[in-house]
C-alpha atoms as a PDB file:
ATOM      1  CA  MET A   1       4.189 -15.747  23.741  1.00  0.00           C
ATOM      2  CA  ARG A   2       1.497 -14.563  21.525  1.00  0.00           C
ATOM      3  CA  ASP A   3      -2.042 -15.637  22.348  1.00  0.00           C
ATOM      4  CA  PRO A   4      -3.271 -17.729  19.410  1.00  0.00           C
ATOM      5  CA  ARG A   5      -6.742 -16.743  20.460  1.00  0.00           C
ATOM      6  CA  VAL A   6      -5.903 -13.042  19.539  1.00  0.00           C
ATOM      7  CA  GLY A   7      -7.044 -12.199  16.179  1.00  0.00           C
ATOM      8  CA  VAL A   8      -5.053 -10.515  13.257  1.00  0.00           C
ATOM      9  CA  LEU A   9      -6.473  -6.993  14.089  1.00  0.00           C
ATOM     10  CA  GLY A  10      -5.685  -7.524  17.785  1.00  0.00           C
ATOM     11  CA  THR A  11      -2.226  -8.625  17.144  1.00  0.00           C
ATOM     12  CA  LEU A  12      -1.799  -5.839  14.572  1.00  0.00           C
ATOM     13  CA  LEU A  13      -2.827  -3.054  16.876  1.00  0.00           C
ATOM     14  CA  ARG A  14      -0.800  -4.288  19.849  1.00  0.00           C
ATOM     15  CA  ARG A  15       2.407  -2.188  19.184  1.00  0.00           C
ATOM     16  CA  ARG A  16       2.174   1.590  19.182  1.00  0.00           C
ATOM     17  CA  ARG A  17       3.716   2.173  15.785  1.00  0.00           C
ATOM     18  CA  SER A  18       1.069  -0.374  14.255  1.00  0.00           C
ATOM     19  CA  ARG A  19      -1.762   1.713  15.678  1.00  0.00           C
ATOM     20  CA  ILE A  20      -0.358   4.963  14.398  1.00  0.00           C
ATOM     21  CA  ALA A  21       0.108   3.284  10.979  1.00  0.00           C
ATOM     22  CA  PHE A  22      -3.469   1.946  11.054  1.00  0.00           C
ATOM     23  CA  LEU A  23      -5.062   5.419  12.139  1.00  0.00           C
ATOM     24  CA  GLY A  24      -2.964   7.042   9.298  1.00  0.00           C
ATOM     25  CA  MET A  25      -4.212   4.649   6.830  1.00  0.00           C
ATOM     26  CA  VAL A  26      -7.795   5.408   7.872  1.00  0.00           C
ATOM     27  CA  THR A  27      -7.103   9.060   7.737  1.00  0.00           C
ATOM     28  CA  ILE A  28      -5.912   8.904   4.157  1.00  0.00           C
ATOM     29  CA  ILE A  29      -8.726   6.937   3.048  1.00  0.00           C
ATOM     30  CA  VAL A  30     -11.356   9.286   4.790  1.00  0.00           C
ATOM     31  CA  ALA A  31      -9.514  12.251   3.014  1.00  0.00           C
ATOM     32  CA  ALA A  32      -9.762  10.827  -0.362  1.00  0.00           C
ATOM     33  CA  VAL A  33     -13.511   9.623   0.076  1.00  0.00           C
ATOM     34  CA  PHE A  34     -14.785  12.963   1.481  1.00  0.00           C
ATOM     35  CA  ALA A  35     -12.293  15.338  -0.422  1.00  0.00           C
ATOM     36  CA  HIS A  36     -15.101  16.901  -2.422  1.00  0.00           C
ATOM     37  CA  LEU A  37     -16.940  17.616   0.673  1.00  0.00           C
ATOM     38  CA  LEU A  38     -14.063  18.973   2.698  1.00  0.00           C
ATOM     39  CA  ALA A  39     -12.735  21.183  -0.114  1.00  0.00           C
ATOM     40  CA  SER A  40     -15.186  22.615  -2.289  1.00  0.00           C
ATOM     41  CA  THR A  41     -17.114  25.984  -3.093  1.00  0.00           C
ATOM     42  CA  SER A  42     -19.424  25.394  -0.137  1.00  0.00           C
ATOM     43  CA  GLU A  43     -19.413  27.999   2.649  1.00  0.00           C
ATOM     44  CA  TYR A  44     -19.395  25.215   5.056  1.00  0.00           C
ATOM     45  CA  ALA A  45     -16.367  23.381   3.652  1.00  0.00           C
ATOM     46  CA  PRO A  46     -13.038  23.992   5.761  1.00  0.00           C
ATOM     47  CA  PHE A  47     -11.098  24.393   2.719  1.00  0.00           C
ATOM     48  CA  ALA A  48     -11.418  26.293  -0.457  1.00  0.00           C
ATOM     49  CA  ASP A  49     -12.196  24.850  -3.836  1.00  0.00           C
ATOM     50  CA  PRO A  50      -8.823  23.506  -5.363  1.00  0.00           C
ATOM     51  CA  TRP A  51      -9.670  24.512  -8.975  1.00  0.00           C
ATOM     52  CA  THR A  52     -10.981  28.109  -8.174  1.00  0.00           C
ATOM     53  CA  VAL A  53      -8.321  30.725  -9.512  1.00  0.00           C
ATOM     54  CA  HIS A  54      -7.643  33.868  -7.343  1.00  0.00           C
ATOM     55  CA  MET A  55      -4.907  35.651  -9.345  1.00  0.00           C
ATOM     56  CA  ASN A  56      -4.568  38.437  -6.288  1.00  0.00           C
ATOM     57  CA  ASP A  57      -3.645  35.625  -4.124  1.00  0.00           C
ATOM     58  CA  ALA A  58      -1.071  34.019  -6.015  1.00  0.00           C
ATOM     59  CA  LEU A  59       1.916  32.669  -4.437  1.00  0.00           C
ATOM     60  CA  GLN A  60       1.141  33.558  -0.902  1.00  0.00           C
ATOM     61  CA  GLY A  61       2.596  31.933   2.008  1.00  0.00           C
ATOM     62  CA  PRO A  62       0.933  29.810   4.748  1.00  0.00           C
ATOM     63  CA  SER A  63      -1.577  32.057   6.414  1.00  0.00           C
ATOM     64  CA  TRP A  64      -4.987  31.713   8.478  1.00  0.00           C
ATOM     65  CA  SER A  65      -6.865  32.237   5.344  1.00  0.00           C
ATOM     66  CA  HIS A  66      -4.748  29.610   3.313  1.00  0.00           C
ATOM     67  CA  TRP A  67      -2.943  27.212   5.681  1.00  0.00           C
ATOM     68  CA  LEU A  68      -0.600  25.848   3.377  1.00  0.00           C
ATOM     69  CA  GLY A  69      -0.275  28.775   1.006  1.00  0.00           C
ATOM     70  CA  THR A  70      -1.356  29.130  -2.552  1.00  0.00           C
ATOM     71  CA  ASP A  71       0.009  28.386  -5.948  1.00  0.00           C
ATOM     72  CA  HIS A  72       0.813  30.571  -8.929  1.00  0.00           C
ATOM     73  CA  LEU A  73      -2.581  30.900  -9.892  1.00  0.00           C
ATOM     74  CA  GLY A  74      -4.061  31.622  -6.209  1.00  0.00           C
ATOM     75  CA  ARG A  75      -5.268  28.050  -5.768  1.00  0.00           C
ATOM     76  CA  ASP A  76      -5.267  26.838  -2.152  1.00  0.00           C
ATOM     77  CA  VAL A  77      -2.418  24.244  -1.686  1.00  0.00           C
ATOM     78  CA  ALA A  78      -4.095  22.654   1.274  1.00  0.00           C
ATOM     79  CA  ALA A  79      -7.131  21.785  -0.740  1.00  0.00           C
ATOM     80  CA  ARG A  80      -5.030  20.439  -3.566  1.00  0.00           C
ATOM     81  CA  VAL A  81      -2.950  18.446  -1.304  1.00  0.00           C
ATOM     82  CA  LEU A  82      -6.172  16.913   0.129  1.00  0.00           C
ATOM     83  CA  HIS A  83      -7.645  16.164  -3.399  1.00  0.00           C
ATOM     84  CA  GLY A  84      -4.202  14.578  -4.283  1.00  0.00           C
ATOM     85  CA  THR A  85      -5.142  11.571  -1.961  1.00  0.00           C
ATOM     86  CA  ARG A  86      -7.782  10.584  -4.461  1.00  0.00           C
ATOM     87  CA  GLY A  87      -5.513  10.224  -7.489  1.00  0.00           C
ATOM     88  CA  ALA A  88      -2.886   8.421  -5.369  1.00  0.00           C
ATOM     89  CA  LEU A  89      -5.356   5.957  -3.807  1.00  0.00           C
ATOM     90  CA  GLY A  90      -7.156   5.459  -7.267  1.00  0.00           C
ATOM     91  CA  VAL A  91      -3.786   4.254  -8.884  1.00  0.00           C
ATOM     92  CA  ALA A  92      -3.212   2.062  -5.615  1.00  0.00           C
ATOM     93  CA  ALA A  93      -6.684   0.555  -5.995  1.00  0.00           C
ATOM     94  CA  VAL A  94      -6.346  -0.602  -9.333  1.00  0.00           C
ATOM     95  CA  SER A  95      -2.985  -1.918  -8.797  1.00  0.00           C
ATOM     96  CA  ILE A  96      -3.998  -3.797  -5.849  1.00  0.00           C
ATOM     97  CA  GLY A  97      -6.729  -5.539  -7.777  1.00  0.00           C
ATOM     98  CA  LEU A  98      -4.446  -6.633 -10.555  1.00  0.00           C
ATOM     99  CA  VAL A  99      -1.594  -7.672  -8.188  1.00  0.00           C
ATOM    100  CA  LEU A 100      -3.955  -9.880  -6.242  1.00  0.00           C
ATOM    101  CA  VAL A 101      -5.617 -11.504  -9.139  1.00  0.00           C
ATOM    102  CA  ILE A 102      -2.689 -11.974 -11.217  1.00  0.00           C
ATOM    103  CA  GLY A 103      -0.450 -13.200  -8.304  1.00  0.00           C
ATOM    104  CA  LEU A 104      -2.921 -15.561  -6.656  1.00  0.00           C
ATOM    105  CA  PHE A 105      -3.741 -17.252  -9.837  1.00  0.00           C
ATOM    106  CA  PHE A 106      -0.218 -17.845 -11.194  1.00  0.00           C
ATOM    107  CA  GLY A 107       1.185 -18.530  -7.619  1.00  0.00           C
ATOM    108  CA  ALA A 108      -1.617 -21.211  -6.835  1.00  0.00           C
ATOM    109  CA  VAL A 109      -1.528 -22.735 -10.396  1.00  0.00           C
ATOM    110  CA  GLY A 110       2.351 -23.020 -10.371  1.00  0.00           C
ATOM    111  CA  GLY A 111       2.463 -24.355  -6.748  1.00  0.00           C
ATOM    112  CA  PHE A 112      -0.260 -26.882  -7.152  1.00  0.00           C
ATOM    113  CA  TYR A 113       0.447 -28.706 -10.419  1.00  0.00           C
ATOM    114  CA  GLY A 114       4.260 -28.020 -10.401  1.00  0.00           C
ATOM    115  CA  GLY A 115       6.306 -29.481 -13.431  1.00  0.00           C
ATOM    116  CA  GLN A 116       6.906 -27.252 -16.329  1.00  0.00           C
ATOM    117  CA  LEU A 117       4.183 -24.861 -15.566  1.00  0.00           C
ATOM    118  CA  ASP A 118       5.634 -24.056 -12.237  1.00  0.00           C
ATOM    119  CA  SER A 119       9.022 -23.529 -13.813  1.00  0.00           C
ATOM    120  CA  LEU A 120       7.530 -21.133 -16.278  1.00  0.00           C
ATOM    121  CA  VAL A 121       5.902 -19.035 -13.837  1.00  0.00           C
ATOM    122  CA  SER A 122       9.084 -18.928 -11.632  1.00  0.00           C
ATOM    123  CA  ARG A 123      11.145 -17.651 -14.719  1.00  0.00           C
ATOM    124  CA  ALA A 124       8.434 -15.140 -15.394  1.00  0.00           C
ATOM    125  CA  VAL A 125       8.669 -13.898 -11.708  1.00  0.00           C
ATOM    126  CA  GLU A 126      12.609 -13.603 -12.217  1.00  0.00           C
ATOM    127  CA  VAL A 127      12.082 -11.667 -15.461  1.00  0.00           C
ATOM    128  CA  LEU A 128       9.575  -9.185 -14.199  1.00  0.00           C
ATOM    129  CA  LEU A 129      11.570  -8.563 -11.103  1.00  0.00           C
ATOM    130  CA  SER A 130      14.389  -7.264 -13.234  1.00  0.00           C
ATOM    131  CA  VAL A 131      12.215  -4.700 -15.034  1.00  0.00           C
ATOM    132  CA  PRO A 132      12.111  -0.997 -13.469  1.00  0.00           C
ATOM    133  CA  THR A 133       8.769   0.024 -12.852  1.00  0.00           C
ATOM    134  CA  ILE A 134       9.283   3.704 -13.637  1.00  0.00           C
ATOM    135  CA  LEU A 135      10.869   3.051 -16.986  1.00  0.00           C
ATOM    136  CA  ALA A 136       7.975   0.554 -17.941  1.00  0.00           C
ATOM    137  CA  VAL A 137       5.681   3.347 -16.938  1.00  0.00           C
ATOM    138  CA  LEU A 138       7.467   5.907 -19.210  1.00  0.00           C
ATOM    139  CA  ALA A 139       7.460   3.321 -22.030  1.00  0.00           C
ATOM    140  CA  MET A 140       3.643   2.853 -21.682  1.00  0.00           C
ATOM    141  CA  ARG A 141       3.228   6.653 -21.785  1.00  0.00           C
ATOM    142  CA  GLY A 142       5.186   6.698 -24.936  1.00  0.00           C
ATOM    143  CA  ILE A 143       2.844   3.997 -26.431  1.00  0.00           C
ATOM    144  CA  THR A 144      -0.426   5.369 -25.403  1.00  0.00           C
ATOM    145  CA  GLY A 145       0.593   8.950 -25.901  1.00  0.00           C
ATOM    146  CA  GLU A 146      -2.052  10.067 -23.513  1.00  0.00           C
ATOM    147  CA  PRO A 147      -1.513  11.049 -19.740  1.00  0.00           C
ATOM    148  CA  ARG A 148      -3.793   8.566 -17.965  1.00  0.00           C
ATOM    149  CA  LEU A 149      -3.501   7.306 -14.492  1.00  0.00           C
ATOM    150  CA  LEU A 150      -4.850   4.008 -15.468  1.00  0.00           C
ATOM    151  CA  ASP A 151      -1.760   3.392 -17.504  1.00  0.00           C
ATOM    152  CA  VAL A 152       0.395   3.649 -14.378  1.00  0.00           C
ATOM    153  CA  ALA A 153      -1.983   1.596 -12.485  1.00  0.00           C
ATOM    154  CA  ILE A 154      -1.824  -1.166 -15.094  1.00  0.00           C
ATOM    155  CA  VAL A 155       1.835  -1.226 -15.297  1.00  0.00           C
ATOM    156  CA  ILE A 156       2.291  -1.505 -11.661  1.00  0.00           C
ATOM    157  CA  GLY A 157      -0.070  -4.523 -11.563  1.00  0.00           C
ATOM    158  CA  LEU A 158       1.483  -6.283 -14.539  1.00  0.00           C
ATOM    159  CA  LEU A 159       4.926  -5.947 -12.903  1.00  0.00           C
ATOM    160  CA  ARG A 160       4.453  -6.422  -9.238  1.00  0.00           C
ATOM    161  CA  TRP A 161       2.366  -9.345  -8.847  1.00  0.00           C
ATOM    162  CA  THR A 162       5.471 -11.419  -8.312  1.00  0.00           C
ATOM    163  CA  GLU A 163       5.608 -10.967  -4.548  1.00  0.00           C
ATOM    164  CA  VAL A 164       2.137 -12.144  -4.060  1.00  0.00           C
ATOM    165  CA  ALA A 165       2.732 -15.143  -6.532  1.00  0.00           C
ATOM    166  CA  ARG A 166       5.903 -16.190  -4.498  1.00  0.00           C
ATOM    167  CA  LEU A 167       3.809 -16.052  -1.366  1.00  0.00           C
ATOM    168  CA  THR A 168       0.955 -17.856  -2.519  1.00  0.00           C
ATOM    169  CA  ARG A 169       3.221 -20.613  -4.150  1.00  0.00           C
ATOM    170  CA  ALA A 170       4.986 -21.195  -0.819  1.00  0.00           C
ATOM    171  CA  GLU A 171       1.799 -21.632   1.050  1.00  0.00           C
ATOM    172  CA  VAL A 172       0.301 -23.882  -1.761  1.00  0.00           C
ATOM    173  CA  LEU A 173       3.261 -26.048  -1.796  1.00  0.00           C
ATOM    174  CA  ARG A 174       3.116 -26.272   2.102  1.00  0.00           C
ATOM    175  CA  ALA A 175      -0.409 -27.100   2.162  1.00  0.00           C
ATOM    176  CA  ARG A 176      -0.195 -29.657  -0.652  1.00  0.00           C
ATOM    177  CA  GLY A 177       1.620 -31.941   1.460  1.00  0.00           C
ATOM    178  CA  THR A 178      -0.729 -32.020   4.561  1.00  0.00           C
ATOM    179  CA  ASP A 179      -2.567 -34.810   5.633  1.00  0.00           C
ATOM    180  CA  TRP A 180      -6.066 -33.273   4.839  1.00  0.00           C
ATOM    181  CA  VAL A 181      -5.126 -32.457   1.290  1.00  0.00           C
ATOM    182  CA  LEU A 182      -3.888 -35.901   0.804  1.00  0.00           C
ATOM    183  CA  ALA A 183      -7.095 -37.414   2.193  1.00  0.00           C
ATOM    184  CA  ALA A 184      -8.996 -35.086  -0.042  1.00  0.00           C
ATOM    185  CA  PHE A 185      -7.137 -36.704  -3.085  1.00  0.00           C
ATOM    186  CA  ALA A 186      -7.794 -40.145  -1.698  1.00  0.00           C
ATOM    187  CA  LEU A 187     -11.601 -39.601  -1.480  1.00  0.00           C
ATOM    188  CA  GLY A 188     -11.401 -38.665  -5.258  1.00  0.00           C
ATOM    189  CA  LEU A 189     -12.236 -35.012  -5.061  1.00  0.00           C
ATOM    190  CA  PRO A 190     -11.476 -32.911  -8.201  1.00  0.00           C
ATOM    191  CA  PRO A 191      -8.053 -31.162  -8.127  1.00  0.00           C
ATOM    192  CA  ARG A 192      -9.649 -27.879  -9.071  1.00  0.00           C
ATOM    193  CA  ARG A 193     -12.209 -28.170  -6.079  1.00  0.00           C
ATOM    194  CA  ILE A 194      -9.213 -28.929  -3.555  1.00  0.00           C
ATOM    195  CA  LEU A 195      -7.156 -26.030  -4.896  1.00  0.00           C
ATOM    196  CA  VAL A 196     -10.083 -23.398  -4.881  1.00  0.00           C
ATOM    197  CA  ARG A 197     -11.975 -24.576  -1.965  1.00  0.00           C
ATOM    198  CA  HIS A 198      -9.459 -26.032   0.492  1.00  0.00           C
ATOM    199  CA  ILE A 199      -5.966 -24.734  -0.130  1.00  0.00           C
ATOM    200  CA  LEU A 200      -6.373 -21.214  -1.767  1.00  0.00           C
ATOM    201  CA  PRO A 201      -8.527 -19.570   1.015  1.00  0.00           C
ATOM    202  CA  ASP A 202      -5.345 -20.277   3.691  1.00  0.00           C
ATOM    203  CA  ALA A 203      -2.958 -19.126   0.957  1.00  0.00           C
ATOM    204  CA  ILE A 204      -4.739 -15.904   0.663  1.00  0.00           C
ATOM    205  CA  THR A 205      -3.912 -14.525   4.078  1.00  0.00           C
ATOM    206  CA  PRO A 206       0.013 -14.273   3.632  1.00  0.00           C
ATOM    207  CA  ALA A 207      -0.452 -12.804   0.213  1.00  0.00           C
ATOM    208  CA  ILE A 208      -2.345 -10.066   1.702  1.00  0.00           C
ATOM    209  CA  THR A 209       0.973  -8.993   3.576  1.00  0.00           C
ATOM    210  CA  ALA A 210       2.121  -7.613   0.290  1.00  0.00           C
ATOM    211  CA  ALA A 211      -0.731  -5.198  -0.449  1.00  0.00           C
ATOM    212  CA  PRO A 212       0.527  -2.333   1.778  1.00  0.00           C
ATOM    213  CA  PHE A 213       3.837  -2.313  -0.072  1.00  0.00           C
ATOM    214  CA  VAL A 214       2.180  -2.176  -3.436  1.00  0.00           C
ATOM    215  CA  VAL A 215       0.217   0.766  -2.224  1.00  0.00           C
ATOM    216  CA  ALA A 216       3.379   2.545  -1.173  1.00  0.00           C
ATOM    217  CA  LEU A 217       4.934   1.709  -4.405  1.00  0.00           C
ATOM    218  CA  ALA A 218       2.028   3.089  -6.340  1.00  0.00           C
ATOM    219  CA  ILE A 219       2.023   6.225  -4.487  1.00  0.00           C
ATOM    220  CA  THR A 220       5.677   6.701  -5.117  1.00  0.00           C
ATOM    221  CA  ILE A 221       5.376   6.265  -8.883  1.00  0.00           C
ATOM    222  CA  GLU A 222       2.209   8.280  -9.111  1.00  0.00           C
ATOM    223  CA  SER A 223       3.753  11.042  -7.395  1.00  0.00           C
ATOM    224  CA  THR A 224       7.071  10.812  -9.376  1.00  0.00           C
ATOM    225  CA  MET A 225       5.610  10.799 -12.880  1.00  0.00           C
ATOM    226  CA  PRO A 226       4.767  14.504 -13.070  1.00  0.00           C
ATOM    227  CA  ILE A 227       8.388  15.520 -11.821  1.00  0.00           C
ATOM    228  CA  LEU A 228       9.622  13.454 -14.866  1.00  0.00           C
ATOM    229  CA  GLY A 229       7.348  15.219 -17.239  1.00  0.00           C
ATOM    230  CA  VAL A 230       4.388  12.647 -17.285  1.00  0.00           C
ATOM    231  CA  HIS A 231       1.535  15.015 -16.200  1.00  0.00           C
ATOM    232  CA  PRO A 232      -1.901  13.805 -15.089  1.00  0.00           C
ATOM    233  CA  PRO A 233      -4.881  14.514 -17.238  1.00  0.00           C
ATOM    234  CA  PRO A 234      -6.890  17.967 -16.884  1.00  0.00           C
ATOM    235  CA  GLY A 235      -9.024  17.775 -13.690  1.00  0.00           C
ATOM    236  CA  VAL A 236      -6.771  15.357 -11.758  1.00  0.00           C
ATOM    237  CA  ILE A 237      -4.560  16.693  -9.004  1.00  0.00           C
ATOM    238  CA  SER A 238      -1.479  15.020  -8.253  1.00  0.00           C
ATOM    239  CA  TRP A 239       0.926  15.519  -5.352  1.00  0.00           C
ATOM    240  CA  GLY A 240       3.703  15.237  -7.839  1.00  0.00           C
ATOM    241  CA  GLU A 241       2.262  17.728 -10.220  1.00  0.00           C
ATOM    242  CA  ILE A 242       2.176  20.361  -7.256  1.00  0.00           C
ATOM    243  CA  ILE A 243       5.965  19.611  -6.562  1.00  0.00           C
ATOM    244  CA  ALA A 244       6.712  20.049 -10.328  1.00  0.00           C
ATOM    245  CA  GLN A 245       5.106  23.354 -10.272  1.00  0.00           C
ATOM    246  CA  ALA A 246       7.487  24.356  -7.539  1.00  0.00           C
ATOM    247  CA  ARG A 247      10.550  24.042  -9.910  1.00  0.00           C
ATOM    248  CA  ALA A 248       9.426  27.264 -11.574  1.00  0.00           C
ATOM    249  CA  HIS A 249       8.611  29.199  -8.456  1.00  0.00           C
ATOM    250  CA  ARG A 250      11.815  28.486  -6.104  1.00  0.00           C
ATOM    251  CA  ASP A 251      10.791  31.178  -3.697  1.00  0.00           C
ATOM    252  CA  ALA A 252       7.507  29.623  -2.926  1.00  0.00           C
ATOM    253  CA  TRP A 253       8.932  26.822  -0.807  1.00  0.00           C
ATOM    254  CA  TRP A 254       5.555  25.488   0.569  1.00  0.00           C
ATOM    255  CA  LEU A 255       4.737  24.216  -2.940  1.00  0.00           C
ATOM    256  CA  ALA A 256       7.351  21.521  -2.474  1.00  0.00           C
ATOM    257  CA  VAL A 257       7.435  20.953   1.202  1.00  0.00           C
ATOM    258  CA  PHE A 258       3.834  20.255   2.056  1.00  0.00           C
ATOM    259  CA  PRO A 259       3.092  17.867  -0.803  1.00  0.00           C
ATOM    260  CA  GLY A 260       6.510  16.219  -0.096  1.00  0.00           C
ATOM    261  CA  ILE A 261       5.474  15.535   3.493  1.00  0.00           C
ATOM    262  CA  ALA A 262       2.184  14.261   2.440  1.00  0.00           C
ATOM    263  CA  ILE A 263       4.040  11.687   0.033  1.00  0.00           C
ATOM    264  CA  CYS A 264       6.480  10.652   2.785  1.00  0.00           C
ATOM    265  CA  LEU A 265       3.903  10.208   5.410  1.00  0.00           C
ATOM    266  CA  ALA A 266       1.688   8.223   3.071  1.00  0.00           C
ATOM    267  CA  ILE A 267       4.562   6.085   1.920  1.00  0.00           C
ATOM    268  CA  GLY A 268       5.930   5.569   5.605  1.00  0.00           C
ATOM    269  CA  THR A 269       2.290   4.833   6.730  1.00  0.00           C
ATOM    270  CA  PHE A 270       1.640   1.957   4.268  1.00  0.00           C
ATOM    271  CA  ASN A 271       5.191   0.513   4.754  1.00  0.00           C
ATOM    272  CA  VAL A 272       4.951   0.319   8.616  1.00  0.00           C
ATOM    273  CA  LEU A 273       1.452  -1.153   8.082  1.00  0.00           C
ATOM    274  CA  GLY A 274       2.787  -3.859   5.798  1.00  0.00           C
ATOM    275  CA  GLU A 275       5.447  -4.836   8.191  1.00  0.00           C
ATOM    276  CA  SER A 276       3.272  -4.895  11.065  1.00  0.00           C
ATOM    277  CA  LEU A 277       0.555  -6.911   9.040  1.00  0.00           C
ATOM    278  CA  ARG A 278       3.240  -9.407   7.915  1.00  0.00           C
ATOM    279  CA  ASP A 279       4.164  -9.766  11.657  1.00  0.00           C
ATOM    280  CA  ALA A 280       0.608 -10.420  12.512  1.00  0.00           C
ATOM    281  CA  ILE A 281      -0.234 -12.863   9.825  1.00  0.00           C
ATOM    282  CA  ASP A 282       2.894 -14.842   9.193  1.00  0.00           C
ATOM    283  CA  PRO A 283       2.700 -18.232  10.835  1.00  0.00           C
ATOM    284  CA  HIS A 284       6.258 -18.450  11.335  1.00  0.00           C
ATOM    285  CA  LEU A 285       6.145 -15.337  13.386  1.00  0.00           C
ATOM    286  CA  ARG A 286       3.333 -16.207  15.654  1.00  0.00           C
ATOM    287  CA  GLY A 287       5.423 -17.981  18.140  1.00  0.00           C
ATOM    288  CA  VAL A 288       7.998 -15.310  18.426  1.00  0.00           C
ATOM    289  CA  VAL A 289       8.100 -13.507  21.836  1.00  0.00           C
ATOM    290  CA  ASP A 290       6.833 -10.192  21.600  1.00  0.00           C
ATOM    291  CA  TYR A 291       9.312  -8.415  23.886  1.00  0.00           C
ATOM    292  CA  ASP A 292       7.527  -5.202  23.809  1.00  0.00           C
ATOM    293  CA  GLN A 293       4.634  -6.672  25.381  1.00  0.00           C
ATOM    294  CA  ALA A 294       5.679  -9.731  27.318  1.00  0.00           C
ATOM    295  CA  LYS A 295       5.694  -9.564  30.948  1.00  0.00           C
ATOM    296  CA  LEU A 296       7.904 -12.072  32.613  1.00  0.00           C
ATOM    297  CA  PRO A 297       6.953 -12.884  36.102  1.00  0.00           C
ATOM    298  CA  GLN A 298       9.456 -11.789  38.872  1.00  0.00           C
ATOM    299  CA  SER A 299      10.433 -14.496  41.265  1.00  0.00           C
ATOM    300  CA  LYS A 300      10.068 -13.572  44.814  1.00  0.00           C
ATOM    301  CA  PRO A 301      13.035 -13.356  46.954  1.00  0.00           C
ATOM    302  CA  GLN A 302      13.772 -16.347  49.232  1.00  0.00           C
ATOM    303  CA  SER A 303      13.715 -15.585  52.922  1.00  0.00           C
ATOM    304  CA  LYS A 304      16.928 -16.302  54.700  1.00  0.00           C
ATOM    305  CA  PRO A 305      16.775 -19.116  57.225  1.00  0.00           C
ATOM    306  CA  ARG A 306      16.765 -18.111  60.693  1.00  0.00           C
ATOM    307  CA  ALA A 307      19.755 -18.988  62.721  1.00  0.00           C
ATOM    308  CA  ALA A 308      18.999 -21.788  65.417  1.00  0.00           C
END
């Protein structure tokens, strides 16, 4: 059985695939934060500047000077893939903020007060679950008329808070019937204080399990938009933009393969991390036997009695 004294991080890193996913997440974040140092015009940078044009090096395959080749303007593909992490994680960060704030608020309010308010929140969740996110992003693009990554993040946040609201509502409903909450009501504490200070801190933890899945969804949509014709603003590099350029240069296979690998690795990393985080946090799974780690004691063979 899982040791209850082991923290969430210890439980998360117990399996090999969880450790690999956690390391991949750290690598993606480090690449996004330090992309301007790793790929720049500095002579100490390991990668070239992603915006510097070298027409003499246009559409060159992978080599020692350009590890992932160059595009039609001679720009280093490895540097552009590295800088593409900033746009993907930027959209994901804004989406996660909106998802957590909106989902926690409506899930907690609906589960705590119940009645018509809870029914209204439940119907809103059902309606939003039926709305395709990509079509909503395209509709937002048609309304604003400007290619902004912020629009993508806002649409994802306004549509995908539903899972966080459902998890939060379930935890609030469970905690509302416990003895210590009933005792708080009996002592005359204000309902708002009971919700914010006593129930919501425990309800936040299960809701966090939905965060990695939202990140994976944000990366998917942000990378899909340039392929559908919604290009990022000038000065912003997107993995999908590099893949979209490959359609005009079909012989340059590296323009589609390497950004596609980066997208698949990022999405897979956050999906695996979300599943592992859900297993580590979900209280219903804490008592499940971890067959990968369990070591059952082996019984010693009994010695045969000697003949008289």
